[in-house]
Structures are given as C-alpha cells and as structure tokens.
C-alpha atoms as a PDB file:
ATOM      1  CA  MET A   1     -12.098 -25.774  26.091  1.00  0.00           C
ATOM      2  CA  LEU A   2     -11.130 -29.131  24.855  1.00  0.00           C
ATOM      3  CA  LEU A   3     -11.956 -27.952  21.282  1.00  0.00           C
ATOM      4  CA  TRP A   4      -9.830 -24.691  21.795  1.00  0.00           C
ATOM      5  CA  LEU A   5      -6.844 -27.061  23.114  1.00  0.00           C
ATOM      6  CA  MET A   6      -7.326 -29.714  20.158  1.00  0.00           C
ATOM      7  CA  VAL A   7      -7.092 -27.106  17.675  1.00  0.00           C
ATOM      8  CA  LEU A   8      -4.104 -25.097  18.946  1.00  0.00           C
ATOM      9  CA  ALA A   9      -2.749 -28.598  18.962  1.00  0.00           C
ATOM     10  CA  VAL A  10      -3.577 -29.021  15.216  1.00  0.00           C
ATOM     11  CA  MET A  11      -2.206 -26.263  14.189  1.00  0.00           C
ATOM     12  CA  LEU A  12       0.967 -26.286  15.706  1.00  0.00           C
ATOM     13  CA  ILE A  13       1.645 -29.599  14.324  1.00  0.00           C
ATOM     14  CA  VAL A  14       0.470 -28.156  10.626  1.00  0.00           C
ATOM     15  CA  VAL A  15       3.043 -25.228  11.270  1.00  0.00           C
ATOM     16  CA  GLY A  16       5.827 -27.779  12.301  1.00  0.00           C
ATOM     17  CA  VAL A  17       5.256 -29.755   9.509  1.00  0.00           C
ATOM     18  CA  MET A  18       5.633 -26.961   7.079  1.00  0.00           C
ATOM     19  CA  SER A  19       8.645 -26.277   8.787  1.00  0.00           C
ATOM     20  CA  VAL A  20      10.393 -29.254   8.657  1.00  0.00           C
ATOM     21  CA  GLY A  21      12.507 -28.358   5.014  1.00  0.00           C
ATOM     22  CA  VAL A  22      13.979 -25.161   6.539  1.00  0.00           C
ATOM     23  CA  LEU A  23      14.838 -27.138  10.141  1.00  0.00           C
ATOM     24  CA  LEU A  24      16.596 -29.643   7.979  1.00  0.00           C
ATOM     25  CA  GLY A  25      18.728 -26.812   6.123  1.00  0.00           C
ATOM     26  CA  ARG A  26      17.207 -27.125   2.506  1.00  0.00           C
ATOM     27  CA  LYS A  27      16.348 -24.286   0.390  1.00  0.00           C
ATOM     28  CA  PRO A  28      13.143 -22.336   0.957  1.00  0.00           C
ATOM     29  CA  ILE A  29      10.447 -22.021  -1.331  1.00  0.00           C
ATOM     30  CA  SER A  30      11.107 -19.586  -4.053  1.00  0.00           C
ATOM     31  CA  GLY A  31       9.306 -17.752  -6.778  1.00  0.00           C
ATOM     32  CA  SER A  32       9.750 -18.982 -10.800  1.00  0.00           C
ATOM     33  CA  CYS A  33      12.022 -17.465 -12.779  1.00  0.00           C
ATOM     34  CA  GLY A  34       9.956 -15.705 -15.597  1.00  0.00           C
ATOM     35  CA  GLY A  35       6.374 -16.116 -14.108  1.00  0.00           C
ATOM     36  CA  LEU A  36       3.625 -15.897 -16.868  1.00  0.00           C
ATOM     37  CA  ASN A  37       6.274 -15.912 -19.737  1.00  0.00           C
ATOM     38  CA  ASN A  38       7.730 -19.238 -18.299  1.00  0.00           C
ATOM     39  CA  LEU A  39       4.231 -21.032 -18.809  1.00  0.00           C
ATOM     40  CA  GLY A  40       3.718 -19.507 -22.214  1.00  0.00           C
ATOM     41  CA  LEU A  41       0.940 -17.103 -20.630  1.00  0.00           C
ATOM     42  CA  LYS A  42       2.745 -13.631 -21.672  1.00  0.00           C
ATOM     43  CA  GLN A  43      -0.534 -12.502 -23.622  1.00  0.00           C
ATOM     44  CA  GLY A  44      -2.795 -12.872 -20.163  1.00  0.00           C
ATOM     45  CA  CYS A  45      -0.721  -9.896 -18.590  1.00  0.00           C
ATOM     46  CA  ASP A  46      -3.477  -7.160 -17.980  1.00  0.00           C
ATOM     47  CA  ILE A  47      -0.821  -4.233 -17.712  1.00  0.00           C
ATOM     48  CA  CYS A  48       1.228  -4.949 -20.993  1.00  0.00           C
ATOM     49  CA  GLY A  49      -0.543  -7.666 -22.731  1.00  0.00           C
ATOM     50  CA  GLY A  50       2.453  -9.370 -23.712  1.00  0.00           C
ATOM     51  CA  LYS A  51       4.395  -6.063 -24.738  1.00  0.00           C
ATOM     52  CA  ASP A  52       7.727  -5.603 -22.918  1.00  0.00           C
ATOM     53  CA  GLU A  53       7.841  -1.989 -23.949  1.00  0.00           C
ATOM     54  CA  VAL A  54       4.351  -1.300 -22.251  1.00  0.00           C
ATOM     55  CA  CYS A  55       6.037  -2.898 -19.067  1.00  0.00           C
ATOM     56  CA  GLU A  56       9.182  -0.685 -18.909  1.00  0.00           C
ATOM     57  CA  GLU A  57       7.304   2.221 -19.625  1.00  0.00           C
ATOM     58  CA  GLN A  58       4.982   1.694 -16.422  1.00  0.00           C
ATOM     59  CA  GLN A  59       8.069   0.782 -14.687  1.00  0.00           C
ATOM     60  CA  ARG A  60       9.617   3.794 -15.416  1.00  0.00           C
ATOM     61  CA  LYS A  61       6.358   5.904 -14.199  1.00  0.00           C
ATOM     62  CA  GLU A  62       6.461   3.726 -11.095  1.00  0.00           C
ATOM     63  CA  LYS A  63      10.040   4.831 -10.295  1.00  0.00           C
ATOM     64  CA  LEU A  64       9.402   8.691 -11.389  1.00  0.00           C
ATOM     65  CA  LYS A  65       6.519   8.852  -9.229  1.00  0.00           C
ATOM     66  CA  LEU A  66       8.448   7.606  -6.272  1.00  0.00           C
ATOM     67  CA  ALA A  67      11.197  10.162  -6.937  1.00  0.00           C
ATOM     68  CA  ALA A  68       8.647  12.475  -6.942  1.00  0.00           C
ATOM     69  CA  CYS A  69       7.724  12.345  -3.355  1.00  0.00           C
ATOM     70  CA  LYS A  70       8.138  14.619  -0.953  1.00  0.00           C
ATOM     71  CA  PRO A  71      11.200  14.209   1.110  1.00  0.00           C
ATOM     72  CA  GLU A  72       9.783  16.002   4.241  1.00  0.00           C
ATOM     73  CA  LEU A  73       7.515  13.135   4.436  1.00  0.00           C
ATOM     74  CA  ALA A  74      10.269  10.521   4.508  1.00  0.00           C
ATOM     75  CA  PHE A  75      12.463   9.892   7.715  1.00  0.00           C
ATOM     76  CA  ASP A  76      16.236   8.922   7.048  1.00  0.00           C
ATOM     77  CA  ALA A  77      17.038   6.216   9.610  1.00  0.00           C
ATOM     78  CA  SER A  78      20.604   6.350   8.292  1.00  0.00           C
ATOM     79  CA  ARG A  79      21.531  10.048   9.574  1.00  0.00           C
ATOM     80  CA  LYS A  80      22.538  10.745  13.090  1.00  0.00           C
ATOM     81  CA  PRO A  81      20.280  12.829  15.179  1.00  0.00           C
ATOM     82  CA  GLY A  82      21.355  16.269  15.094  1.00  0.00           C
ATOM     83  CA  ALA A  83      23.176  15.920  11.682  1.00  0.00           C
END
C-alpha cells in the first residue's frame, strides 16, 4: 500500500510540474510549421517522396472517400429531433 501511495504521489507531482506552464498562462506546446520540410527531410515522406502534387492528389482522394460515406450512417446532432 505504501508503494502504491508513493507512485501516486510521484505521478501527481509529475503532472503538476508538466502543467506549470499552462497554470502560469504561457503559450501551450504546439506543432512545428512545415514538419519534415522545415528539417530538410521532405524526401523522407513515405507517401509522396517529396512531390507536392502526389500529396495534393492523396488529400483529394481522402476528401472524396469521406464525401462518399453513406449519409444514413451519420447522425446530424445540429438538427432538432423530429425536424
């Protein structure tokens, strides 16, 4: 039981330390702009191999796939019941 309480205390301290920045009103952690391209590793992309056209085509295909979903499987929570 003592070990469990010690582990709980350590975890609470770790969470508290990690949230100090948020508690002080600082900017939260955010992703980088550019990703692999910012690091000069654009050719390392497994999907497009560094070709922007391939990435755009892949994104277009994903949008078409989402648009083709059957509407009866979706639920519009913004509509009022019975409308």
